[in-house]
Amino acid sequence: MVLFLKNKIVVVAVLLITVLLLAQCSNSEKQFYSEEQVSEKAATAEASCEKKPLNPNGDSELAILMRDMMSSSQSLKEKIKQGNLPEKFPEEFLKIHTALPTDSETKKESFEGFASNYISNLQALYHSPKEDLSKNYNAVISSCVSCHSEHCPGPLGAINKLKI
């Protein structure tokens, strides 16, 4: 019984020493980096993540444009939910007609019709009266869903979440 109690005390002591050493190590690491160095490292890490293409073969013009459209739609959704009108029409989205895809098979014959529908709905949204913003915004998102249902279904889940 005494031997069992001694073993228990030794185990607890070893665990306590280990915890204290780990705590000391994490505290000493913090002392080596100033706040400026930490924020600089975070900025560098963030920049390297931004530069890294999502596609291992590189990002195409169309893929980059689509990501910009997604980001713009997310911002628009928040503005519209707050009752604000969209500001300046994103002229760069007109490149949807000419942007090169990652895979040349992506743009089927019907792509041009879907692209025109998207641009038309987007223009209607930017000229909407306040009371029609949600309806016209959802029409833009529906045009994205229609196209992606036929051409590139991968992002459909994320696109559907954009609806108001």
N, C-alpha and C. Protein backbone atom coordinates (compact mmCIF):
# COMPACT_ATOMS: atom_id res chain seq x y z
N MET A 1 0.82 -1.19 0.00
CA MET A 1 0.00 0.00 0.00
C MET A 1 0.86 1.25 0.00
N VAL A 2 1.93 1.22 0.81
CA VAL A 2 2.83 2.37 0.89
C VAL A 2 3.53 2.57 -0.47
N LEU A 3 3.94 1.46 -1.10
CA LEU A 3 4.59 1.53 -2.40
C LEU A 3 3.65 2.13 -3.46
N PHE A 4 2.40 1.74 -3.44
CA PHE A 4 1.40 2.26 -4.37
C PHE A 4 1.24 3.77 -4.18
N LEU A 5 1.21 4.24 -2.93
CA LEU A 5 1.06 5.66 -2.62
C LEU A 5 2.28 6.44 -3.09
N LYS A 6 3.49 5.86 -2.91
CA LYS A 6 4.71 6.53 -3.36
C LYS A 6 4.71 6.66 -4.89
N ASN A 7 4.28 5.60 -5.59
CA ASN A 7 4.22 5.65 -7.06
C ASN A 7 3.25 6.72 -7.53
N LYS A 8 2.15 6.85 -6.84
CA LYS A 8 1.15 7.84 -7.19
C LYS A 8 1.71 9.25 -7.01
N ILE A 9 2.44 9.47 -5.94
CA ILE A 9 3.04 10.78 -5.66
C ILE A 9 4.08 11.10 -6.72
N VAL A 10 4.88 10.12 -7.11
CA VAL A 10 5.90 10.33 -8.13
C VAL A 10 5.25 10.70 -9.46
N VAL A 11 4.20 10.00 -9.84
CA VAL A 11 3.51 10.27 -11.10
C VAL A 11 2.93 11.68 -11.08
N VAL A 12 2.28 12.07 -10.00
CA VAL A 12 1.70 13.41 -9.87
C VAL A 12 2.80 14.47 -9.94
N ALA A 13 3.93 14.21 -9.28
CA ALA A 13 5.03 15.16 -9.29
C ALA A 13 5.59 15.33 -10.70
N VAL A 14 5.75 14.23 -11.43
CA VAL A 14 6.26 14.30 -12.80
C VAL A 14 5.29 15.07 -13.69
N LEU A 15 4.01 14.82 -13.56
CA LEU A 15 3.00 15.54 -14.34
C LEU A 15 3.03 17.03 -14.02
N LEU A 16 3.13 17.37 -12.75
CA LEU A 16 3.16 18.77 -12.32
C LEU A 16 4.39 19.48 -12.89
N ILE A 17 5.54 18.82 -12.82
CA ILE A 17 6.77 19.41 -13.37
C ILE A 17 6.64 19.60 -14.88
N THR A 18 6.07 18.63 -15.56
CA THR A 18 5.88 18.73 -17.02
C THR A 18 4.98 19.90 -17.37
N VAL A 19 3.88 20.05 -16.66
CA VAL A 19 2.95 21.15 -16.91
C VAL A 19 3.64 22.49 -16.67
N LEU A 20 4.39 22.59 -15.58
CA LEU A 20 5.10 23.84 -15.28
C LEU A 20 6.14 24.16 -16.35
N LEU A 21 6.87 23.16 -16.82
CA LEU A 21 7.86 23.37 -17.87
C LEU A 21 7.20 23.83 -19.17
N LEU A 22 6.09 23.20 -19.53
CA LEU A 22 5.37 23.60 -20.74
C LEU A 22 4.85 25.02 -20.63
N ALA A 23 4.34 25.38 -19.48
CA ALA A 23 3.85 26.74 -19.27
C ALA A 23 4.99 27.74 -19.38
N GLN A 24 6.13 27.39 -18.80
CA GLN A 24 7.30 28.28 -18.87
C GLN A 24 7.78 28.43 -20.30
N CYS A 25 7.79 27.33 -21.07
CA CYS A 25 8.24 27.40 -22.46
C CYS A 25 7.33 28.29 -23.28
N SER A 26 6.03 28.17 -23.09
CA SER A 26 5.12 29.00 -23.88
C SER A 26 5.25 30.46 -23.48
N ASN A 27 5.51 30.75 -22.22
CA ASN A 27 5.73 32.13 -21.79
C ASN A 27 7.02 32.68 -22.36
N SER A 28 8.08 31.88 -22.38
CA SER A 28 9.36 32.37 -22.88
C SER A 28 9.30 32.61 -24.39
N GLU A 29 8.51 31.81 -25.14
CA GLU A 29 8.35 32.04 -26.57
C GLU A 29 7.73 33.40 -26.82
N LYS A 30 6.77 33.78 -26.02
CA LYS A 30 6.11 35.06 -26.18
C LYS A 30 7.10 36.20 -25.95
N GLN A 31 8.09 36.00 -25.12
CA GLN A 31 9.05 37.05 -24.83
C GLN A 31 10.01 37.27 -26.00
N PHE A 32 10.19 36.29 -26.87
CA PHE A 32 11.12 36.42 -27.97
C PHE A 32 10.58 37.28 -29.11
N TYR A 33 9.27 37.44 -29.24
CA TYR A 33 8.68 38.17 -30.35
C TYR A 33 7.94 39.40 -29.84
N SER A 34 8.25 40.55 -30.42
CA SER A 34 7.51 41.76 -30.07
C SER A 34 6.16 41.71 -30.77
N GLU A 35 5.27 42.60 -30.39
CA GLU A 35 3.95 42.65 -31.03
C GLU A 35 4.10 42.96 -32.51
N GLU A 36 5.07 43.82 -32.84
CA GLU A 36 5.30 44.17 -34.25
C GLU A 36 5.74 42.95 -35.04
N GLN A 37 6.61 42.14 -34.45
CA GLN A 37 7.09 40.95 -35.13
C GLN A 37 5.97 39.95 -35.34
N VAL A 38 5.12 39.80 -34.33
CA VAL A 38 4.00 38.86 -34.44
C VAL A 38 3.05 39.31 -35.54
N SER A 39 2.71 40.62 -35.57
CA SER A 39 1.78 41.09 -36.60
C SER A 39 2.43 41.03 -37.99
N GLU A 40 3.75 41.24 -38.06
CA GLU A 40 4.45 41.13 -39.33
C GLU A 40 4.42 39.69 -39.84
N LYS A 41 4.63 38.71 -38.92
CA LYS A 41 4.58 37.30 -39.31
C LYS A 41 3.17 36.93 -39.77
N ALA A 42 2.15 37.45 -39.08
CA ALA A 42 0.77 37.16 -39.46
C ALA A 42 0.47 37.74 -40.84
N ALA A 43 0.94 38.96 -41.10
CA ALA A 43 0.71 39.59 -42.40
C ALA A 43 1.40 38.81 -43.51
N THR A 44 2.62 38.35 -43.24
CA THR A 44 3.36 37.57 -44.23
C THR A 44 2.64 36.25 -44.52
N ALA A 45 2.17 35.60 -43.48
CA ALA A 45 1.44 34.34 -43.66
C ALA A 45 0.16 34.56 -44.45
N GLU A 46 -0.54 35.64 -44.14
CA GLU A 46 -1.79 35.95 -44.84
C GLU A 46 -1.52 36.25 -46.31
N ALA A 47 -0.46 37.02 -46.58
CA ALA A 47 -0.12 37.35 -47.96
C ALA A 47 0.25 36.10 -48.76
N SER A 48 0.96 35.18 -48.13
CA SER A 48 1.34 33.97 -48.85
C SER A 48 0.12 33.11 -49.14
N CYS A 49 -0.87 33.15 -48.27
CA CYS A 49 -2.11 32.40 -48.51
C CYS A 49 -2.88 33.01 -49.67
N GLU A 50 -2.89 34.34 -49.76
CA GLU A 50 -3.62 35.01 -50.82
C GLU A 50 -3.01 34.73 -52.19
N LYS A 51 -1.71 34.60 -52.25
CA LYS A 51 -1.03 34.41 -53.52
C LYS A 51 -1.16 32.98 -54.02
N LYS A 52 -1.42 32.06 -53.14
CA LYS A 52 -1.47 30.65 -53.50
C LYS A 52 -2.74 30.37 -54.31
N PRO A 53 -2.61 29.87 -55.53
CA PRO A 53 -3.80 29.57 -56.33
C PRO A 53 -4.59 28.40 -55.76
N LEU A 54 -5.89 28.44 -55.95
CA LEU A 54 -6.73 27.33 -55.47
C LEU A 54 -6.59 26.11 -56.37
N ASN A 55 -6.37 26.35 -57.63
CA ASN A 55 -6.23 25.27 -58.59
C ASN A 55 -4.75 24.93 -58.72
N PRO A 56 -4.36 23.67 -58.58
CA PRO A 56 -2.94 23.31 -58.68
C PRO A 56 -2.33 23.66 -60.04
N ASN A 57 -3.16 23.79 -61.06
CA ASN A 57 -2.66 24.16 -62.39
C ASN A 57 -2.66 25.67 -62.61
N GLY A 58 -2.96 26.44 -61.56
CA GLY A 58 -3.04 27.90 -61.68
C GLY A 58 -4.48 28.34 -61.81
N ASP A 59 -4.72 29.58 -61.48
CA ASP A 59 -6.08 30.12 -61.56
C ASP A 59 -6.31 30.77 -62.91
N SER A 60 -7.45 30.48 -63.50
CA SER A 60 -7.79 31.07 -64.79
C SER A 60 -8.43 32.43 -64.57
N GLU A 61 -8.55 33.18 -65.66
CA GLU A 61 -9.22 34.49 -65.61
C GLU A 61 -10.66 34.32 -65.11
N LEU A 62 -11.32 33.31 -65.61
CA LEU A 62 -12.72 33.10 -65.25
C LEU A 62 -12.86 32.70 -63.78
N ALA A 63 -11.97 31.87 -63.29
CA ALA A 63 -12.03 31.46 -61.89
C ALA A 63 -11.82 32.66 -60.96
N ILE A 64 -10.86 33.50 -61.29
CA ILE A 64 -10.60 34.69 -60.47
C ILE A 64 -11.80 35.63 -60.54
N LEU A 65 -12.36 35.81 -61.73
CA LEU A 65 -13.54 36.67 -61.89
C LEU A 65 -14.72 36.13 -61.08
N MET A 66 -14.92 34.83 -61.11
CA MET A 66 -16.03 34.22 -60.36
C MET A 66 -15.85 34.42 -58.85
N ARG A 67 -14.61 34.32 -58.38
CA ARG A 67 -14.37 34.56 -56.95
C ARG A 67 -14.67 36.01 -56.59
N ASP A 68 -14.32 36.93 -57.50
CA ASP A 68 -14.64 38.34 -57.27
C ASP A 68 -16.16 38.55 -57.25
N MET A 69 -16.86 37.85 -58.14
CA MET A 69 -18.33 37.94 -58.18
C MET A 69 -18.93 37.42 -56.88
N MET A 70 -18.38 36.34 -56.36
CA MET A 70 -18.86 35.77 -55.10
C MET A 70 -18.65 36.75 -53.96
N SER A 71 -17.49 37.32 -53.90
CA SER A 71 -17.17 38.29 -52.85
C SER A 71 -18.08 39.51 -52.95
N SER A 72 -18.28 39.99 -54.15
CA SER A 72 -19.16 41.13 -54.38
C SER A 72 -20.59 40.80 -53.96
N SER A 73 -21.03 39.60 -54.28
CA SER A 73 -22.40 39.18 -53.92
C SER A 73 -22.57 39.11 -52.41
N GLN A 74 -21.56 38.65 -51.72
CA GLN A 74 -21.63 38.59 -50.26
C GLN A 74 -21.75 40.00 -49.67
N SER A 75 -20.97 40.93 -50.21
CA SER A 75 -21.04 42.33 -49.74
C SER A 75 -22.40 42.94 -50.07
N LEU A 76 -22.87 42.69 -51.29
CA LEU A 76 -24.17 43.22 -51.69
C LEU A 76 -25.29 42.69 -50.79
N LYS A 77 -25.22 41.42 -50.46
CA LYS A 77 -26.23 40.81 -49.61
C LYS A 77 -26.34 41.57 -48.28
N GLU A 78 -25.19 41.86 -47.68
CA GLU A 78 -25.19 42.57 -46.39
C GLU A 78 -25.72 43.99 -46.55
N LYS A 79 -25.32 44.68 -47.61
CA LYS A 79 -25.80 46.05 -47.84
C LYS A 79 -27.31 46.06 -48.02
N ILE A 80 -27.80 45.14 -48.83
CA ILE A 80 -29.23 45.08 -49.12
C ILE A 80 -30.03 44.72 -47.87
N LYS A 81 -29.51 43.79 -47.07
CA LYS A 81 -30.19 43.42 -45.83
C LYS A 81 -30.28 44.62 -44.87
N GLN A 82 -29.31 45.53 -44.98
CA GLN A 82 -29.33 46.74 -44.15
C GLN A 82 -30.15 47.85 -44.79
N GLY A 83 -30.70 47.59 -45.96
CA GLY A 83 -31.54 48.57 -46.64
C GLY A 83 -30.76 49.58 -47.47
N ASN A 84 -29.51 49.28 -47.76
CA ASN A 84 -28.68 50.21 -48.55
C ASN A 84 -28.68 49.83 -50.02
N LEU A 85 -28.62 50.85 -50.85
CA LEU A 85 -28.55 50.64 -52.30
C LEU A 85 -27.13 50.28 -52.70
N PRO A 86 -26.98 49.43 -53.73
CA PRO A 86 -25.63 49.15 -54.22
C PRO A 86 -25.05 50.42 -54.85
N GLU A 87 -23.74 50.53 -54.83
CA GLU A 87 -23.09 51.75 -55.30
C GLU A 87 -22.80 51.69 -56.80
N LYS A 88 -21.57 51.49 -57.19
CA LYS A 88 -21.15 51.55 -58.59
C LYS A 88 -21.18 50.15 -59.22
N PHE A 89 -21.78 50.06 -60.40
CA PHE A 89 -21.83 48.80 -61.13
C PHE A 89 -20.41 48.30 -61.38
N PRO A 90 -20.14 47.02 -61.08
CA PRO A 90 -18.78 46.47 -61.27
C PRO A 90 -18.51 46.16 -62.74
N GLU A 91 -17.98 47.12 -63.46
CA GLU A 91 -17.71 46.99 -64.90
C GLU A 91 -16.82 45.78 -65.22
N GLU A 92 -15.93 45.43 -64.27
CA GLU A 92 -15.02 44.31 -64.55
C GLU A 92 -15.78 42.99 -64.74
N PHE A 93 -17.02 42.92 -64.26
CA PHE A 93 -17.79 41.69 -64.41
C PHE A 93 -18.25 41.47 -65.85
N LEU A 94 -18.16 42.51 -66.66
CA LEU A 94 -18.50 42.36 -68.08
C LEU A 94 -17.49 41.45 -68.79
N LYS A 95 -16.34 41.22 -68.16
CA LYS A 95 -15.32 40.33 -68.71
C LYS A 95 -15.76 38.87 -68.70
N ILE A 96 -16.91 38.60 -68.12
CA ILE A 96 -17.41 37.22 -68.06
C ILE A 96 -17.52 36.62 -69.46
N HIS A 97 -17.77 37.49 -70.44
CA HIS A 97 -17.92 37.01 -71.82
C HIS A 97 -16.60 36.59 -72.45
N THR A 98 -15.49 37.18 -72.00
CA THR A 98 -14.20 36.93 -72.64
C THR A 98 -13.19 36.21 -71.75
N ALA A 99 -13.45 36.13 -70.45
CA ALA A 99 -12.49 35.52 -69.51
C ALA A 99 -12.26 34.05 -69.87
N LEU A 100 -11.01 33.67 -69.86
CA LEU A 100 -10.65 32.29 -70.21
C LEU A 100 -10.85 31.37 -69.00
N PRO A 101 -11.49 30.21 -69.21
CA PRO A 101 -11.71 29.26 -68.11
C PRO A 101 -10.47 28.41 -67.86
N THR A 102 -10.46 27.74 -66.71
CA THR A 102 -9.38 26.82 -66.38
C THR A 102 -9.36 25.67 -67.39
N ASP A 103 -10.54 25.18 -67.70
CA ASP A 103 -10.70 24.07 -68.64
C ASP A 103 -11.54 24.57 -69.81
N SER A 104 -11.05 24.44 -71.01
CA SER A 104 -11.77 24.96 -72.18
C SER A 104 -13.13 24.31 -72.36
N GLU A 105 -13.33 23.13 -71.77
CA GLU A 105 -14.62 22.43 -71.86
C GLU A 105 -15.69 23.08 -70.97
N THR A 106 -15.28 23.96 -70.07
CA THR A 106 -16.21 24.57 -69.13
C THR A 106 -17.24 25.45 -69.83
N LYS A 107 -16.79 26.21 -70.81
CA LYS A 107 -17.69 27.12 -71.52
C LYS A 107 -18.36 26.39 -72.67
N LYS A 108 -19.52 25.85 -72.39
CA LYS A 108 -20.31 25.20 -73.44
C LYS A 108 -21.05 26.29 -74.23
N GLU A 109 -21.77 25.90 -75.25
CA GLU A 109 -22.50 26.86 -76.08
C GLU A 109 -23.47 27.70 -75.26
N SER A 110 -24.08 27.12 -74.25
CA SER A 110 -25.08 27.83 -73.47
C SER A 110 -24.47 28.86 -72.50
N PHE A 111 -23.16 28.81 -72.31
CA PHE A 111 -22.52 29.71 -71.34
C PHE A 111 -22.81 31.17 -71.65
N GLU A 112 -22.71 31.54 -72.91
CA GLU A 112 -22.91 32.94 -73.29
C GLU A 112 -24.30 33.45 -72.90
N GLY A 113 -25.31 32.61 -73.07
CA GLY A 113 -26.68 32.99 -72.66
C GLY A 113 -26.78 33.18 -71.16
N PHE A 114 -26.17 32.28 -70.40
CA PHE A 114 -26.16 32.42 -68.94
C PHE A 114 -25.42 33.68 -68.51
N ALA A 115 -24.29 33.95 -69.17
CA ALA A 115 -23.49 35.13 -68.84
C ALA A 115 -24.29 36.41 -69.12
N SER A 116 -24.96 36.45 -70.25
CA SER A 116 -25.78 37.62 -70.60
C SER A 116 -26.92 37.80 -69.61
N ASN A 117 -27.53 36.71 -69.20
CA ASN A 117 -28.61 36.77 -68.21
C ASN A 117 -28.10 37.32 -66.88
N TYR A 118 -26.92 36.86 -66.46
CA TYR A 118 -26.32 37.35 -65.22
C TYR A 118 -26.08 38.86 -65.30
N ILE A 119 -25.46 39.32 -66.39
CA ILE A 119 -25.17 40.75 -66.54
C ILE A 119 -26.45 41.57 -66.58
N SER A 120 -27.45 41.07 -67.27
CA SER A 120 -28.73 41.76 -67.35
C SER A 120 -29.38 41.89 -65.96
N ASN A 121 -29.38 40.80 -65.20
CA ASN A 121 -29.94 40.83 -63.84
C ASN A 121 -29.12 41.73 -62.92
N LEU A 122 -27.81 41.73 -63.09
CA LEU A 122 -26.95 42.57 -62.27
C LEU A 122 -27.21 44.05 -62.57
N GLN A 123 -27.34 44.38 -63.85
CA GLN A 123 -27.65 45.77 -64.21
C GLN A 123 -29.01 46.19 -63.64
N ALA A 124 -29.99 45.30 -63.70
CA ALA A 124 -31.31 45.61 -63.13
C ALA A 124 -31.19 45.85 -61.63
N LEU A 125 -30.38 45.08 -60.95
CA LEU A 125 -30.18 45.26 -59.51
C LEU A 125 -29.60 46.64 -59.21
N TYR A 126 -28.61 47.04 -59.97
CA TYR A 126 -27.96 48.33 -59.72
C TYR A 126 -28.84 49.52 -60.08
N HIS A 127 -29.91 49.28 -60.82
CA HIS A 127 -30.86 50.35 -61.14
C HIS A 127 -32.20 50.16 -60.42
N SER A 128 -32.22 49.31 -59.40
CA SER A 128 -33.44 48.97 -58.68
C SER A 128 -33.88 50.08 -57.73
N PRO A 129 -35.20 50.24 -57.62
CA PRO A 129 -35.69 51.05 -56.49
C PRO A 129 -35.49 50.23 -55.21
N LYS A 130 -35.43 50.90 -54.10
CA LYS A 130 -35.13 50.25 -52.82
C LYS A 130 -36.06 49.06 -52.53
N GLU A 131 -37.32 49.19 -52.87
CA GLU A 131 -38.28 48.13 -52.55
C GLU A 131 -38.08 46.85 -53.37
N ASP A 132 -37.35 46.93 -54.48
CA ASP A 132 -37.11 45.75 -55.32
C ASP A 132 -35.72 45.15 -55.15
N LEU A 133 -34.92 45.69 -54.25
CA LEU A 133 -33.53 45.24 -54.11
C LEU A 133 -33.42 43.75 -53.83
N SER A 134 -34.13 43.27 -52.82
CA SER A 134 -34.02 41.84 -52.45
C SER A 134 -34.45 40.94 -53.60
N LYS A 135 -35.55 41.29 -54.24
CA LYS A 135 -36.06 40.48 -55.36
C LYS A 135 -35.04 40.46 -56.51
N ASN A 136 -34.51 41.62 -56.85
CA ASN A 136 -33.56 41.68 -57.96
C ASN A 136 -32.21 41.06 -57.60
N TYR A 137 -31.81 41.18 -56.35
CA TYR A 137 -30.58 40.52 -55.89
C TYR A 137 -30.74 39.00 -56.02
N ASN A 138 -31.87 38.48 -55.57
CA ASN A 138 -32.10 37.04 -55.67
C ASN A 138 -32.16 36.57 -57.12
N ALA A 139 -32.61 37.45 -58.02
CA ALA A 139 -32.61 37.10 -59.46
C ALA A 139 -31.17 36.95 -59.96
N VAL A 140 -30.27 37.80 -59.47
CA VAL A 140 -28.85 37.69 -59.84
C VAL A 140 -28.31 36.34 -59.36
N ILE A 141 -28.60 36.01 -58.11
CA ILE A 141 -28.10 34.75 -57.54
C ILE A 141 -28.72 33.56 -58.28
N SER A 142 -29.99 33.66 -58.64
CA SER A 142 -30.63 32.58 -59.40
C SER A 142 -29.97 32.38 -60.76
N SER A 143 -29.52 33.48 -61.38
CA SER A 143 -28.83 33.34 -62.66
C SER A 143 -27.48 32.61 -62.47
N CYS A 144 -26.84 32.83 -61.33
CA CYS A 144 -25.60 32.10 -61.02
C CYS A 144 -25.90 30.61 -60.84
N VAL A 145 -26.97 30.32 -60.11
CA VAL A 145 -27.36 28.93 -59.86
C VAL A 145 -27.67 28.22 -61.18
N SER A 146 -28.40 28.89 -62.06
CA SER A 146 -28.75 28.28 -63.35
C SER A 146 -27.51 27.90 -64.15
N CYS A 147 -26.58 28.83 -64.22
CA CYS A 147 -25.36 28.57 -64.99
C CYS A 147 -24.54 27.46 -64.34
N HIS A 148 -24.33 27.56 -63.04
CA HIS A 148 -23.50 26.57 -62.36
C HIS A 148 -24.15 25.19 -62.31
N SER A 149 -25.45 25.13 -62.45
CA SER A 149 -26.13 23.83 -62.51
C SER A 149 -25.71 23.06 -63.76
N GLU A 150 -25.41 23.79 -64.81
CA GLU A 150 -25.04 23.15 -66.06
C GLU A 150 -23.53 23.11 -66.30
N HIS A 151 -22.83 24.13 -65.89
CA HIS A 151 -21.42 24.27 -66.28
C HIS A 151 -20.41 23.84 -65.22
N CYS A 152 -20.61 24.22 -63.99
CA CYS A 152 -19.60 23.97 -62.96
C CYS A 152 -20.31 23.87 -61.61
N PRO A 153 -20.82 22.71 -61.25
CA PRO A 153 -21.67 22.58 -60.07
C PRO A 153 -20.95 22.68 -58.72
N GLY A 154 -19.64 22.66 -58.71
CA GLY A 154 -18.90 22.68 -57.45
C GLY A 154 -19.33 23.74 -56.45
N PRO A 155 -19.44 25.00 -56.86
CA PRO A 155 -19.77 26.06 -55.89
C PRO A 155 -21.26 26.27 -55.63
N LEU A 156 -22.12 25.40 -56.11
CA LEU A 156 -23.56 25.60 -55.94
C LEU A 156 -23.99 25.76 -54.48
N GLY A 157 -23.42 24.99 -53.58
CA GLY A 157 -23.78 25.10 -52.16
C GLY A 157 -23.50 26.49 -51.63
N ALA A 158 -22.34 27.02 -51.94
CA ALA A 158 -21.97 28.36 -51.48
C ALA A 158 -22.83 29.42 -52.15
N ILE A 159 -23.14 29.24 -53.42
CA ILE A 159 -23.97 30.22 -54.15
C ILE A 159 -25.38 30.25 -53.56
N ASN A 160 -25.94 29.09 -53.28
CA ASN A 160 -27.29 29.04 -52.71
C ASN A 160 -27.38 29.76 -51.36
N LYS A 161 -26.29 29.78 -50.62
CA LYS A 161 -26.28 30.47 -49.32
C LYS A 161 -26.32 31.98 -49.48
N LEU A 162 -26.09 32.47 -50.68
CA LEU A 162 -26.09 33.92 -50.92
C LEU A 162 -27.50 34.51 -51.01
N LYS A 163 -28.50 33.67 -51.19
CA LYS A 163 -29.86 34.18 -51.35
C LYS A 163 -30.34 34.87 -50.06
N ILE A 164 -31.15 35.88 -50.28
CA ILE A 164 -31.75 36.59 -49.13
C ILE A 164 -33.10 35.95 -48.86
